[in-house]
Each structure stands twice: as C-alpha cells, then as structure tokens.
Amino acid sequence: MGGSYNGLVSCFDTRTGESPKDQSIIEKSHRDPVYKIAWLQGKHPFECCSTSTDGQVLWWDVRKLGEPSEGLMLEDKTGGGLMGGVSMEYSTAGGKFLIGTEQGKIVSCSRKGKTPADKIGAMFEGHCGPIYGLHRNPFFPKFFLSVADWRVGLWNEELRSPIMTSKFFKTYVLDGMWSPTRPGVFVTAKMDGTLDVYDIFYQQNDPTLSLQVDSDGLRAVRMQDGGRLLATGSVDGSVYMLELCEGLSVMQPNEKNSVMQMLERESKREKNLEARAKELRAKEKRAAELSAGEPTEKTPWEESVKGIEEKFWEMIGGKEAGDDTKE
C-alpha cells in the first residue's frame, strides 16, 4: 500500500510490476497528502487505514478501493478545530490506535466507538511541532515513543504528559523505532543526518551511540525483526543499511524486569506530580470562590477620617481640633 501527495491510496503487487494494482477515487479519498498507512490485523488480510493532514482517518478494503469503508474526522475536543494526521501507531488489539498530528498533539482513538465523539479519546500534549513518529514498545505496549520537533518523548498511555524526554537537539528529530529484541533500546533519525541509538537500560539522558550517516537529513528508520539490521532513508532518496553490535541487539540479563521497573517508577513519579498539580489548582479555585463570596463592607470616607484623627490625637496626647472645653 502507498499514499500519494494528491491524497490517493494505491495498492501495489510486486508480482505484476511497478504500476498500482488498484487505486482510490480522488473524489472519495483524502484531500491532502497521505502521510501514513497501516495494515490491520483482523479476520482477513485486506484491510488498512490511512491518515492525512486533511484531518481524516479512512479505513479501506484493498479488494474495492473505490471508496473507504469507514471514516473519522480528527476533531479537537478542546475547541481547536480539525487536526491534521501526520503519523499513526495502530494497536493489534481492540481497534485502538494513536494519531500524531501536525498541531503537536497525540490523539488516542478507538474504532469501536458508537459515535465520532466516542471514537476520539484522550489527548496527549508534549510537543510544539508535528509528531513525525509514533511507536509502541513491543514488550510493554502501554508505553510508546514519540518523535517530534527537537526531542524524543516516552509516554505511558495512562498519563497525559511524558514520563521521560530527551534533551533538545539543534536539529529536527524525524523518526524513531523501538528495538524488537531489546526492551530498553530505540533508534532515532535526525535532520542533520545523524542516527542515534538509545539504551535506557544503561543510560537515559544521552544516546549510547551517535553515527553520522549522511550529510543530508535522515527521514525514516526501520529495524529488522532480529534487531541486528536496520535501514534508514535520507531526504534525498538514499537508503542506508547498517548492522548493530551484539550488545545493542541481544537482550541483557534481567533487562526486561529492570526496564519495566524504571518505566513504572517514572510513571509513578509523574502521577504524583499530576496529583499535586491538581490539588493546587483545586485549592486555588476554592480560595477564589471564598474570596468572591465574602461581602465587602466599605467604611464611609468621613468615618475613616474621623477615626484617623482620633488615633492621631491619642498618640500625641493633645486635644482634638475644635475642642473648646475649659480647664
């Protein structure tokens, strides 16, 4: 499957040549470039999903690409209007999926919702630019990786803010992927042509390995199922094949438990911070309501002046002005 810049969705069969086997109709397809397509695992192997910056998520049956079988509009529940889809991470269970938008928000969606409002769930805000890449940890699916603007974020889908973030780089980060064989390793590609390999099992703040692959930017990165080989593509159309060492591709002793404990610890810390922030907001709200409900009685100006004068004469031990009592 392939998405086109004019909004079309095409199905290719390598056995029949380079031309598309079938193609969607432009009137019933996306109106903006199609940035992401995902195959769905279901009762049959013919269904896929696409998203575009026109704000649509469309489901297709490749046996009849004339029109989509289902659609969803990415409406911002906070009143921000329509959000454009740039990236997508589709879960294999329950029809749940994540959409990364060009507005910097990650939207959790469910295909099983009865209404369009039910299909759009939680929203994660942690980036200030388009979300170029999303990928769930294959060992711990509730944790996922986001790649956007100048940094990388690690998320727990139960929280609304990232549990871990990388430092801000001087150039855009354009793609990322977890290792399929090591739960603590992921790779990212940057606009300066650098490929970074993170191993959070040993080090969380900086990449374990940083390799200058191309003078132009690296736009995409994918890892082989064995975790040893990876491919990265540059913005000029070049593709590079690289091989990771055994230390970055073979699971270390007790790594799975240690990484899980670390992610849960960071999640607990973030939950405590969110609870504290919620408590402070509630306290401020109650204080504002109390101050607004209290009656404010203003003392007349004449009485205030008289009280000030009395205190003044008491302090100096003299007589008030106008007091004509004779001794």
C-alpha atoms as a PDB file:
ATOM      1  CA  MET A   1       0.000   0.000   0.000  1.00  0.00           C
ATOM      2  CA  GLY A   2       1.119   3.542  -0.689  1.00  0.00           C
ATOM      3  CA  GLY A   3      -0.165   7.040  -0.021  1.00  0.00           C
ATOM      4  CA  SER A   4       0.200   9.798  -2.602  1.00  0.00           C
ATOM      5  CA  TYR A   5       0.748  13.538  -2.346  1.00  0.00           C
ATOM      6  CA  ASN A   6      -2.550  14.165  -4.127  1.00  0.00           C
ATOM      7  CA  GLY A   7      -4.481  12.182  -1.486  1.00  0.00           C
ATOM      8  CA  LEU A   8      -4.864   8.889  -3.349  1.00  0.00           C
ATOM      9  CA  VAL A   9      -4.345   5.465  -1.779  1.00  0.00           C
ATOM     10  CA  SER A  10      -2.779   2.836  -4.047  1.00  0.00           C
ATOM     11  CA  CYS A  11      -2.354  -0.925  -3.799  1.00  0.00           C
ATOM     12  CA  PHE A  12       0.748  -2.474  -5.358  1.00  0.00           C
ATOM     13  CA  ASP A  13       1.551  -6.074  -6.223  1.00  0.00           C
ATOM     14  CA  THR A  14       5.256  -6.629  -6.829  1.00  0.00           C
ATOM     15  CA  ARG A  15       4.451  -9.722  -8.899  1.00  0.00           C
ATOM     16  CA  THR A  16       2.636  -7.671 -11.537  1.00  0.00           C
ATOM     17  CA  GLY A  17       5.083  -4.802 -11.993  1.00  0.00           C
ATOM     18  CA  GLU A  18       5.639  -1.252 -10.758  1.00  0.00           C
ATOM     19  CA  SER A  19       2.216   0.197 -11.572  1.00  0.00           C
ATOM     20  CA  PRO A  20      -0.537   0.214  -8.920  1.00  0.00           C
ATOM     21  CA  LYS A  21      -2.838  -2.782  -8.990  1.00  0.00           C
ATOM     22  CA  ASP A  22      -5.725  -0.620  -7.799  1.00  0.00           C
ATOM     23  CA  GLN A  23      -6.243   2.986  -6.726  1.00  0.00           C
ATOM     24  CA  SER A  24      -8.804   5.007  -4.787  1.00  0.00           C
ATOM     25  CA  ILE A  25     -11.045   7.605  -6.444  1.00  0.00           C
ATOM     26  CA  ILE A  26      -9.855  11.142  -5.823  1.00  0.00           C
ATOM     27  CA  GLU A  27     -13.360  12.462  -5.077  1.00  0.00           C
ATOM     28  CA  LYS A  28     -13.763   9.973  -2.217  1.00  0.00           C
ATOM     29  CA  SER A  29     -10.216   9.961  -0.912  1.00  0.00           C
ATOM     30  CA  HIS A  30      -8.056  12.344   1.091  1.00  0.00           C
ATOM     31  CA  ARG A  31      -7.790  15.999   0.096  1.00  0.00           C
ATOM     32  CA  ASP A  32      -4.217  16.408   1.398  1.00  0.00           C
ATOM     33  CA  PRO A  33      -1.082  14.246   1.169  1.00  0.00           C
ATOM     34  CA  VAL A  34      -1.412  10.795   2.761  1.00  0.00           C
ATOM     35  CA  TYR A  35       1.374  10.596   5.333  1.00  0.00           C
ATOM     36  CA  LYS A  36       0.739   7.210   6.942  1.00  0.00           C
ATOM     37  CA  ILE A  37      -0.885   3.876   6.084  1.00  0.00           C
ATOM     38  CA  ALA A  38      -1.116   0.866   8.408  1.00  0.00           C
ATOM     39  CA  TRP A  39      -2.210  -2.699   7.669  1.00  0.00           C
ATOM     40  CA  LEU A  40      -4.782  -4.054  10.130  1.00  0.00           C
ATOM     41  CA  GLN A  41      -4.720  -7.500  11.661  1.00  0.00           C
ATOM     42  CA  GLY A  42      -8.242  -8.893  11.663  1.00  0.00           C
ATOM     43  CA  LYS A  43     -10.384 -11.626  10.202  1.00  0.00           C
ATOM     44  CA  HIS A  44      -8.944 -11.052   6.730  1.00  0.00           C
ATOM     45  CA  PRO A  45      -5.664  -9.540   5.463  1.00  0.00           C
ATOM     46  CA  PHE A  46      -7.261  -6.987   3.128  1.00  0.00           C
ATOM     47  CA  GLU A  47      -7.935  -4.037   5.424  1.00  0.00           C
ATOM     48  CA  CYS A  48      -5.768  -0.972   6.004  1.00  0.00           C
ATOM     49  CA  CYS A  49      -6.069   2.503   7.496  1.00  0.00           C
ATOM     50  CA  SER A  50      -4.751   5.859   6.278  1.00  0.00           C
ATOM     51  CA  THR A  51      -4.397   9.346   7.714  1.00  0.00           C
ATOM     52  CA  SER A  52      -3.694  12.725   6.183  1.00  0.00           C
ATOM     53  CA  THR A  53      -3.281  16.383   7.085  1.00  0.00           C
ATOM     54  CA  ASP A  54      -6.852  16.948   5.859  1.00  0.00           C
ATOM     55  CA  GLY A  55      -7.945  15.681   9.291  1.00  0.00           C
ATOM     56  CA  GLN A  56      -9.419  12.381   8.069  1.00  0.00           C
ATOM     57  CA  VAL A  57      -8.746   8.803   9.132  1.00  0.00           C
ATOM     58  CA  LEU A  58     -10.063   6.386   6.492  1.00  0.00           C
ATOM     59  CA  TRP A  59     -10.396   2.600   6.506  1.00  0.00           C
ATOM     60  CA  TRP A  60     -10.030   0.720   3.214  1.00  0.00           C
ATOM     61  CA  ASP A  61     -10.659  -2.761   1.844  1.00  0.00           C
ATOM     62  CA  VAL A  62      -7.993  -3.259  -0.835  1.00  0.00           C
ATOM     63  CA  ARG A  63     -10.337  -5.534  -2.801  1.00  0.00           C
ATOM     64  CA  LYS A  64     -12.544  -2.498  -3.528  1.00  0.00           C
ATOM     65  CA  LEU A  65     -10.643   0.761  -3.252  1.00  0.00           C
ATOM     66  CA  GLY A  66     -13.355   2.814  -4.937  1.00  0.00           C
ATOM     67  CA  GLU A  67     -14.353   4.366  -1.628  1.00  0.00           C
ATOM     68  CA  PRO A  68     -13.414   3.962   2.045  1.00  0.00           C
ATOM     69  CA  SER A  69     -15.391   1.531   4.174  1.00  0.00           C
ATOM     70  CA  GLU A  70     -15.346   3.890   7.161  1.00  0.00           C
ATOM     71  CA  GLY A  71     -14.098   7.339   8.147  1.00  0.00           C
ATOM     72  CA  LEU A  72     -13.292   9.523  11.140  1.00  0.00           C
ATOM     73  CA  MET A  73     -12.650  13.268  11.460  1.00  0.00           C
ATOM     74  CA  LEU A  74      -9.951  14.293  13.939  1.00  0.00           C
ATOM     75  CA  GLU A  75     -11.849  16.966  15.852  1.00  0.00           C
ATOM     76  CA  ASP A  76     -10.032  18.717  18.701  1.00  0.00           C
ATOM     77  CA  LYS A  77     -12.232  18.343  21.798  1.00  0.00           C
ATOM     78  CA  THR A  78     -10.725  21.486  23.315  1.00  0.00           C
ATOM     79  CA  GLY A  79     -12.161  23.606  20.509  1.00  0.00           C
ATOM     80  CA  GLY A  80      -9.086  23.858  18.318  1.00  0.00           C
ATOM     81  CA  GLY A  81     -10.881  22.680  15.175  1.00  0.00           C
ATOM     82  CA  LEU A  82      -9.717  19.932  12.832  1.00  0.00           C
ATOM     83  CA  MET A  83      -6.295  18.351  13.391  1.00  0.00           C
ATOM     84  CA  GLY A  84      -4.140  17.004  10.572  1.00  0.00           C
ATOM     85  CA  GLY A  85      -2.747  13.477  10.871  1.00  0.00           C
ATOM     86  CA  VAL A  86       0.978  13.045  10.231  1.00  0.00           C
ATOM     87  CA  SER A  87       1.828   9.712  11.888  1.00  0.00           C
ATOM     88  CA  MET A  88      -0.039   6.677  13.211  1.00  0.00           C
ATOM     89  CA  GLU A  89       0.529   3.735  15.544  1.00  0.00           C
ATOM     90  CA  TYR A  90      -2.150   1.058  15.189  1.00  0.00           C
ATOM     91  CA  SER A  91      -2.529  -1.470  18.009  1.00  0.00           C
ATOM     92  CA  THR A  92      -3.244  -5.091  17.154  1.00  0.00           C
ATOM     93  CA  ALA A  93      -5.852  -5.414  19.921  1.00  0.00           C
ATOM     94  CA  GLY A  94      -9.224  -3.737  20.391  1.00  0.00           C
ATOM     95  CA  GLY A  95      -9.082  -1.418  17.388  1.00  0.00           C
ATOM     96  CA  LYS A  96      -7.133   1.183  19.351  1.00  0.00           C
ATOM     97  CA  PHE A  97      -4.694   3.471  17.611  1.00  0.00           C
ATOM     98  CA  LEU A  98      -2.693   6.659  18.115  1.00  0.00           C
ATOM     99  CA  ILE A  99      -2.576   9.557  15.662  1.00  0.00           C
ATOM    100  CA  GLY A 100       0.236  12.101  15.722  1.00  0.00           C
ATOM    101  CA  THR A 101      -0.975  15.472  14.443  1.00  0.00           C
ATOM    102  CA  GLU A 102       0.731  18.426  12.837  1.00  0.00           C
ATOM    103  CA  GLN A 103      -0.515  20.554  15.773  1.00  0.00           C
ATOM    104  CA  GLY A 104       1.837  18.687  18.155  1.00  0.00           C
ATOM    105  CA  LYS A 105      -0.886  16.620  19.858  1.00  0.00           C
ATOM    106  CA  ILE A 106      -1.178  12.847  20.081  1.00  0.00           C
ATOM    107  CA  VAL A 107      -4.759  11.574  19.875  1.00  0.00           C
ATOM    108  CA  SER A 108      -5.852   8.209  21.250  1.00  0.00           C
ATOM    109  CA  CYS A 109      -8.695   6.790  19.156  1.00  0.00           C
ATOM    110  CA  SER A 110     -10.859   3.695  19.133  1.00  0.00           C
ATOM    111  CA  ARG A 111     -12.589   2.322  16.090  1.00  0.00           C
ATOM    112  CA  LYS A 112     -15.225   0.636  18.232  1.00  0.00           C
ATOM    113  CA  GLY A 113     -16.802   3.889  19.433  1.00  0.00           C
ATOM    114  CA  LYS A 114     -20.503   4.214  18.619  1.00  0.00           C
ATOM    115  CA  THR A 115     -20.297   7.922  17.722  1.00  0.00           C
ATOM    116  CA  PRO A 116     -17.492  10.073  16.293  1.00  0.00           C
ATOM    117  CA  ALA A 117     -17.105  11.720  19.714  1.00  0.00           C
ATOM    118  CA  ASP A 118     -16.674   8.293  21.358  1.00  0.00           C
ATOM    119  CA  LYS A 119     -14.022   7.285  18.841  1.00  0.00           C
ATOM    120  CA  ILE A 120     -11.742  10.180  19.870  1.00  0.00           C
ATOM    121  CA  GLY A 121     -10.421   9.629  23.377  1.00  0.00           C
ATOM    122  CA  ALA A 122      -7.507  11.020  25.372  1.00  0.00           C
ATOM    123  CA  MET A 123      -5.208  13.693  24.028  1.00  0.00           C
ATOM    124  CA  PHE A 124      -1.507  13.962  24.868  1.00  0.00           C
ATOM    125  CA  GLU A 125       0.252  17.319  24.655  1.00  0.00           C
ATOM    126  CA  GLY A 126       4.014  17.465  24.953  1.00  0.00           C
ATOM    127  CA  HIS A 127       5.415  18.749  21.654  1.00  0.00           C
ATOM    128  CA  CYS A 128       5.353  22.089  19.879  1.00  0.00           C
ATOM    129  CA  GLY A 129       5.574  20.749  16.327  1.00  0.00           C
ATOM    130  CA  PRO A 130       4.251  17.957  14.089  1.00  0.00           C
ATOM    131  CA  ILE A 131       4.505  14.420  15.507  1.00  0.00           C
ATOM    132  CA  TYR A 132       6.652  12.713  12.884  1.00  0.00           C
ATOM    133  CA  GLY A 133       6.850   9.285  14.512  1.00  0.00           C
ATOM    134  CA  LEU A 134       4.969   7.067  16.997  1.00  0.00           C
ATOM    135  CA  HIS A 135       5.915   3.548  18.056  1.00  0.00           C
ATOM    136  CA  ARG A 136       4.752   1.311  20.907  1.00  0.00           C
ATOM    137  CA  ASN A 137       7.255  -0.678  22.911  1.00  0.00           C
ATOM    138  CA  PRO A 138       6.807  -4.279  21.655  1.00  0.00           C
ATOM    139  CA  PHE A 139       7.456  -5.644  25.180  1.00  0.00           C
ATOM    140  CA  PHE A 140       5.304  -3.118  27.101  1.00  0.00           C
ATOM    141  CA  PRO A 141       2.546  -1.900  24.722  1.00  0.00           C
ATOM    142  CA  LYS A 142       1.133   0.761  27.075  1.00  0.00           C
ATOM    143  CA  PHE A 143       4.430   2.666  26.743  1.00  0.00           C
ATOM    144  CA  PHE A 144       5.112   4.389  23.449  1.00  0.00           C
ATOM    145  CA  LEU A 145       7.711   6.584  21.801  1.00  0.00           C
ATOM    146  CA  SER A 146       7.001   9.942  20.145  1.00  0.00           C
ATOM    147  CA  VAL A 147       9.305  11.821  17.799  1.00  0.00           C
ATOM    148  CA  ALA A 148       8.660  15.489  17.084  1.00  0.00           C
ATOM    149  CA  ASP A 149      10.264  18.937  16.893  1.00  0.00           C
ATOM    150  CA  TRP A 150      13.695  18.810  18.583  1.00  0.00           C
ATOM    151  CA  ARG A 151      13.281  15.930  21.038  1.00  0.00           C
ATOM    152  CA  VAL A 152      12.015  12.446  21.817  1.00  0.00           C
ATOM    153  CA  GLY A 153       9.347  11.590  24.399  1.00  0.00           C
ATOM    154  CA  LEU A 154       8.464   8.381  26.249  1.00  0.00           C
ATOM    155  CA  TRP A 155       4.809   8.097  27.287  1.00  0.00           C
ATOM    156  CA  ASN A 156       2.520   5.956  29.376  1.00  0.00           C
ATOM    157  CA  GLU A 157      -0.922   5.909  27.739  1.00  0.00           C
ATOM    158  CA  GLU A 158      -2.492   6.249  31.216  1.00  0.00           C
ATOM    159  CA  LEU A 159      -0.890   9.695  31.707  1.00  0.00           C
ATOM    160  CA  ARG A 160      -1.277  12.950  29.814  1.00  0.00           C
ATOM    161  CA  SER A 161       2.372  14.070  29.943  1.00  0.00           C
ATOM    162  CA  PRO A 162       5.606  12.264  29.008  1.00  0.00           C
ATOM    163  CA  ILE A 163       7.353  10.243  31.702  1.00  0.00           C
ATOM    164  CA  MET A 164      10.765  10.803  30.107  1.00  0.00           C
ATOM    165  CA  THR A 165      12.107  13.194  27.468  1.00  0.00           C
ATOM    166  CA  SER A 166      15.405  13.611  25.706  1.00  0.00           C
ATOM    167  CA  LYS A 167      17.331  16.845  25.653  1.00  0.00           C
ATOM    168  CA  PHE A 168      16.535  19.424  22.969  1.00  0.00           C
ATOM    169  CA  PHE A 169      18.697  18.941  19.883  1.00  0.00           C
ATOM    170  CA  LYS A 170      19.770  21.656  17.465  1.00  0.00           C
ATOM    171  CA  THR A 171      18.015  19.932  14.585  1.00  0.00           C
ATOM    172  CA  TYR A 172      14.673  18.198  13.995  1.00  0.00           C
ATOM    173  CA  VAL A 173      14.129  14.573  15.015  1.00  0.00           C
ATOM    174  CA  LEU A 174      12.157  12.944  12.184  1.00  0.00           C
ATOM    175  CA  ASP A 175      11.619   9.272  13.035  1.00  0.00           C
ATOM    176  CA  GLY A 176      12.120   6.656  15.731  1.00  0.00           C
ATOM    177  CA  MET A 177      11.567   2.972  16.476  1.00  0.00           C
ATOM    178  CA  TRP A 178      11.928   0.564  19.407  1.00  0.00           C
ATOM    179  CA  SER A 179      14.178  -2.441  19.046  1.00  0.00           C
ATOM    180  CA  PRO A 180      12.187  -5.674  18.506  1.00  0.00           C
ATOM    181  CA  THR A 181      14.678  -7.665  20.606  1.00  0.00           C
ATOM    182  CA  ARG A 182      15.708  -5.307  23.428  1.00  0.00           C
ATOM    183  CA  PRO A 183      13.016  -3.518  25.521  1.00  0.00           C
ATOM    184  CA  GLY A 184      15.375  -0.697  26.507  1.00  0.00           C
ATOM    185  CA  VAL A 185      16.769   0.200  23.070  1.00  0.00           C
ATOM    186  CA  PHE A 186      15.344   2.531  20.426  1.00  0.00           C
ATOM    187  CA  VAL A 187      16.792   4.433  17.464  1.00  0.00           C
ATOM    188  CA  THR A 188      16.040   7.902  16.092  1.00  0.00           C
ATOM    189  CA  ALA A 189      16.869   9.732  12.863  1.00  0.00           C
ATOM    190  CA  LYS A 190      17.625  13.465  12.749  1.00  0.00           C
ATOM    191  CA  MET A 191      17.596  16.197  10.135  1.00  0.00           C
ATOM    192  CA  ASP A 192      21.381  16.663  10.316  1.00  0.00           C
ATOM    193  CA  GLY A 193      21.899  13.117   9.010  1.00  0.00           C
ATOM    194  CA  THR A 194      22.674  11.609  12.413  1.00  0.00           C
ATOM    195  CA  LEU A 195      21.361   8.244  13.614  1.00  0.00           C
ATOM    196  CA  ASP A 196      21.110   7.980  17.425  1.00  0.00           C
ATOM    197  CA  VAL A 197      20.814   4.707  19.343  1.00  0.00           C
ATOM    198  CA  TYR A 198      19.475   4.961  22.917  1.00  0.00           C
ATOM    199  CA  ASP A 199      19.951   2.253  25.528  1.00  0.00           C
ATOM    200  CA  ILE A 200      17.919   3.374  28.543  1.00  0.00           C
ATOM    201  CA  PHE A 201      18.864   0.172  30.363  1.00  0.00           C
ATOM    202  CA  TYR A 202      22.278   1.757  30.932  1.00  0.00           C
ATOM    203  CA  GLN A 203      21.861   5.473  30.180  1.00  0.00           C
ATOM    204  CA  GLN A 204      18.727   7.626  29.999  1.00  0.00           C
ATOM    205  CA  ASN A 205      19.899  11.164  29.216  1.00  0.00           C
ATOM    206  CA  ASP A 206      22.035  10.792  26.078  1.00  0.00           C
ATOM    207  CA  PRO A 207      22.336   8.435  23.108  1.00  0.00           C
ATOM    208  CA  THR A 208      24.591   5.442  23.638  1.00  0.00           C
ATOM    209  CA  LEU A 209      25.707   5.633  20.008  1.00  0.00           C
ATOM    210  CA  SER A 210      25.519   8.584  17.607  1.00  0.00           C
ATOM    211  CA  LEU A 211      26.507   7.957  13.992  1.00  0.00           C
ATOM    212  CA  GLN A 212      26.763  10.462  11.136  1.00  0.00           C
ATOM    213  CA  VAL A 213      25.213   8.510   8.282  1.00  0.00           C
ATOM    214  CA  ASP A 214      24.533  11.170   5.656  1.00  0.00           C
ATOM    215  CA  SER A 215      25.238  14.849   5.084  1.00  0.00           C
ATOM    216  CA  ASP A 216      21.555  15.330   4.280  1.00  0.00           C
ATOM    217  CA  GLY A 217      18.741  14.646   6.736  1.00  0.00           C
ATOM    218  CA  LEU A 218      17.568  11.155   7.689  1.00  0.00           C
ATOM    219  CA  ARG A 219      13.800  10.907   7.277  1.00  0.00           C
ATOM    220  CA  ALA A 220      12.952   7.323   8.249  1.00  0.00           C
ATOM    221  CA  VAL A 221      14.391   4.374  10.168  1.00  0.00           C
ATOM    222  CA  ARG A 222      13.249   0.747  10.476  1.00  0.00           C
ATOM    223  CA  MET A 223      14.731  -2.268  12.239  1.00  0.00           C
ATOM    224  CA  GLN A 224      14.709  -5.905  11.168  1.00  0.00           C
ATOM    225  CA  ASP A 225      12.809  -8.385  13.345  1.00  0.00           C
ATOM    226  CA  GLY A 226      16.093  -9.856  14.531  1.00  0.00           C
ATOM    227  CA  GLY A 227      17.134  -6.465  15.936  1.00  0.00           C
ATOM    228  CA  ARG A 228      20.573  -6.605  14.318  1.00  0.00           C
ATOM    229  CA  LEU A 229      19.977  -4.912  10.956  1.00  0.00           C
ATOM    230  CA  LEU A 230      18.382  -1.525  10.368  1.00  0.00           C
ATOM    231  CA  ALA A 231      17.662   0.653   7.360  1.00  0.00           C
ATOM    232  CA  THR A 232      17.473   4.429   7.290  1.00  0.00           C
ATOM    233  CA  GLY A 233      16.390   6.664   4.421  1.00  0.00           C
ATOM    234  CA  SER A 234      17.596  10.197   3.759  1.00  0.00           C
ATOM    235  CA  VAL A 235      15.605  13.146   2.428  1.00  0.00           C
ATOM    236  CA  ASP A 236      17.380  12.855  -0.950  1.00  0.00           C
ATOM    237  CA  GLY A 237      16.075   9.301  -1.501  1.00  0.00           C
ATOM    238  CA  SER A 238      19.163   7.347  -0.446  1.00  0.00           C
ATOM    239  CA  VAL A 239      18.772   4.224   1.715  1.00  0.00           C
ATOM    240  CA  TYR A 240      21.480   3.000   4.086  1.00  0.00           C
ATOM    241  CA  MET A 241      21.741  -0.470   5.648  1.00  0.00           C
ATOM    242  CA  LEU A 242      23.534  -0.731   8.986  1.00  0.00           C
ATOM    243  CA  GLU A 243      24.311  -3.539  11.431  1.00  0.00           C
ATOM    244  CA  LEU A 244      24.242  -3.100  15.195  1.00  0.00           C
ATOM    245  CA  CYS A 245      26.676  -4.814  17.510  1.00  0.00           C
ATOM    246  CA  GLU A 246      25.603  -7.732  19.672  1.00  0.00           C
ATOM    247  CA  GLY A 247      25.456  -5.537  22.774  1.00  0.00           C
ATOM    248  CA  LEU A 248      22.691  -3.407  21.214  1.00  0.00           C
ATOM    249  CA  SER A 249      20.718  -6.254  19.671  1.00  0.00           C
ATOM    250  CA  VAL A 250      20.825  -9.116  22.200  1.00  0.00           C
ATOM    251  CA  MET A 251      18.765  -8.816  25.391  1.00  0.00           C
ATOM    252  CA  GLN A 252      20.868  -8.347  28.502  1.00  0.00           C
ATOM    253  CA  PRO A 253      20.396 -10.359  31.738  1.00  0.00           C
ATOM    254  CA  ASN A 254      17.419  -9.089  33.761  1.00  0.00           C
ATOM    255  CA  GLU A 255      16.899  -6.258  31.244  1.00  0.00           C
ATOM    256  CA  LYS A 256      13.149  -6.741  30.785  1.00  0.00           C
ATOM    257  CA  ASN A 257      12.374  -6.536  34.515  1.00  0.00           C
ATOM    258  CA  SER A 258      14.752  -3.634  35.097  1.00  0.00           C
ATOM    259  CA  VAL A 259      13.357  -1.558  32.211  1.00  0.00           C
ATOM    260  CA  MET A 260       9.793  -2.271  33.322  1.00  0.00           C
ATOM    261  CA  GLN A 261      10.597  -1.179  36.888  1.00  0.00           C
ATOM    262  CA  MET A 262      12.224   2.002  35.597  1.00  0.00           C
ATOM    263  CA  LEU A 263       9.242   2.892  33.383  1.00  0.00           C
ATOM    264  CA  GLU A 264       6.796   2.183  36.217  1.00  0.00           C
ATOM    265  CA  ARG A 265       8.871   4.277  38.615  1.00  0.00           C
ATOM    266  CA  GLU A 266       8.877   7.224  36.236  1.00  0.00           C
ATOM    267  CA  SER A 267       5.126   6.750  35.697  1.00  0.00           C
ATOM    268  CA  LYS A 268       4.501   6.815  39.445  1.00  0.00           C
ATOM    269  CA  ARG A 269       6.552   9.982  39.796  1.00  0.00           C
ATOM    270  CA  GLU A 270       4.590  11.657  37.003  1.00  0.00           C
ATOM    271  CA  LYS A 271       1.291  10.538  38.596  1.00  0.00           C
ATOM    272  CA  ASN A 272       2.343  12.118  41.890  1.00  0.00           C
ATOM    273  CA  LEU A 273       3.235  15.369  40.113  1.00  0.00           C
ATOM    274  CA  GLU A 274      -0.108  15.400  38.291  1.00  0.00           C
ATOM    275  CA  ALA A 275      -1.990  14.730  41.545  1.00  0.00           C
ATOM    276  CA  ARG A 276      -0.104  17.546  43.308  1.00  0.00           C
ATOM    277  CA  ALA A 277      -0.802  19.968  40.440  1.00  0.00           C
ATOM    278  CA  LYS A 278      -4.488  19.011  40.513  1.00  0.00           C
ATOM    279  CA  GLU A 279      -4.594  19.567  44.276  1.00  0.00           C
ATOM    280  CA  LEU A 280      -3.024  23.026  43.958  1.00  0.00           C
ATOM    281  CA  ARG A 281      -5.482  24.004  41.212  1.00  0.00           C
ATOM    282  CA  ALA A 282      -8.420  22.882  43.365  1.00  0.00           C
ATOM    283  CA  LYS A 283      -7.045  24.835  46.344  1.00  0.00           C
ATOM    284  CA  GLU A 284      -6.682  27.995  44.257  1.00  0.00           C
ATOM    285  CA  LYS A 285     -10.209  27.538  42.912  1.00  0.00           C
ATOM    286  CA  ARG A 286     -11.685  27.196  46.419  1.00  0.00           C
ATOM    287  CA  ALA A 287      -9.784  30.276  47.620  1.00  0.00           C
ATOM    288  CA  ALA A 288     -11.071  32.288  44.660  1.00  0.00           C
ATOM    289  CA  GLU A 289     -14.652  31.143  45.300  1.00  0.00           C
ATOM    290  CA  LEU A 290     -14.435  32.060  49.002  1.00  0.00           C
ATOM    291  CA  SER A 291     -12.981  35.477  48.315  1.00  0.00           C
ATOM    292  CA  ALA A 292     -15.663  36.124  45.693  1.00  0.00           C
ATOM    293  CA  GLY A 293     -18.464  35.072  48.077  1.00  0.00           C
ATOM    294  CA  GLU A 294     -17.442  37.189  51.085  1.00  0.00           C
ATOM    295  CA  PRO A 295     -19.358  40.521  51.404  1.00  0.00           C
ATOM    296  CA  THR A 296     -17.089  43.525  51.402  1.00  0.00           C
ATOM    297  CA  GLU A 297     -18.375  46.389  53.587  1.00  0.00           C
ATOM    298  CA  LYS A 298     -16.811  49.734  52.807  1.00  0.00           C
ATOM    299  CA  THR A 299     -16.410  52.259  55.575  1.00  0.00           C
ATOM    300  CA  PRO A 300     -17.657  55.761  54.649  1.00  0.00           C
ATOM    301  CA  TRP A 301     -14.852  58.240  53.978  1.00  0.00           C
ATOM    302  CA  GLU A 302     -15.965  60.632  56.742  1.00  0.00           C
ATOM    303  CA  GLU A 303     -15.846  57.914  59.385  1.00  0.00           C
ATOM    304  CA  SER A 304     -12.405  56.809  58.219  1.00  0.00           C
ATOM    305  CA  VAL A 305     -11.044  60.364  58.504  1.00  0.00           C
ATOM    306  CA  LYS A 306     -12.574  60.787  61.982  1.00  0.00           C
ATOM    307  CA  GLY A 307     -11.020  57.532  63.184  1.00  0.00           C
ATOM    308  CA  ILE A 308      -7.610  58.560  61.854  1.00  0.00           C
ATOM    309  CA  GLU A 309      -7.818  61.926  63.603  1.00  0.00           C
ATOM    310  CA  GLU A 310      -8.766  60.314  66.935  1.00  0.00           C
ATOM    311  CA  LYS A 311      -5.813  57.963  66.770  1.00  0.00           C
ATOM    312  CA  PHE A 312      -3.528  60.877  65.925  1.00  0.00           C
ATOM    313  CA  TRP A 313      -4.592  62.944  68.974  1.00  0.00           C
ATOM    314  CA  GLU A 314      -4.285  59.905  71.223  1.00  0.00           C
ATOM    315  CA  MET A 315      -0.728  59.362  70.065  1.00  0.00           C
ATOM    316  CA  ILE A 316       0.440  62.941  70.747  1.00  0.00           C
ATOM    317  CA  GLY A 317      -1.620  63.306  73.968  1.00  0.00           C
ATOM    318  CA  GLY A 318      -3.193  66.561  72.824  1.00  0.00           C
ATOM    319  CA  LYS A 319      -6.710  67.801  72.164  1.00  0.00           C
ATOM    320  CA  GLU A 320      -8.810  67.387  69.122  1.00  0.00           C
ATOM    321  CA  ALA A 321      -9.284  70.357  66.867  1.00  0.00           C
ATOM    322  CA  GLY A 322     -12.436  72.246  67.813  1.00  0.00           C
ATOM    323  CA  ASP A 323     -12.449  71.001  71.427  1.00  0.00           C
ATOM    324  CA  ASP A 324     -13.295  74.210  73.425  1.00  0.00           C
ATOM    325  CA  THR A 325     -13.618  72.581  76.863  1.00  0.00           C
ATOM    326  CA  LYS A 326     -12.226  74.960  79.502  1.00  0.00           C
ATOM    327  CA  GLU A 327      -9.860  73.772  82.177  1.00  0.00           C
END
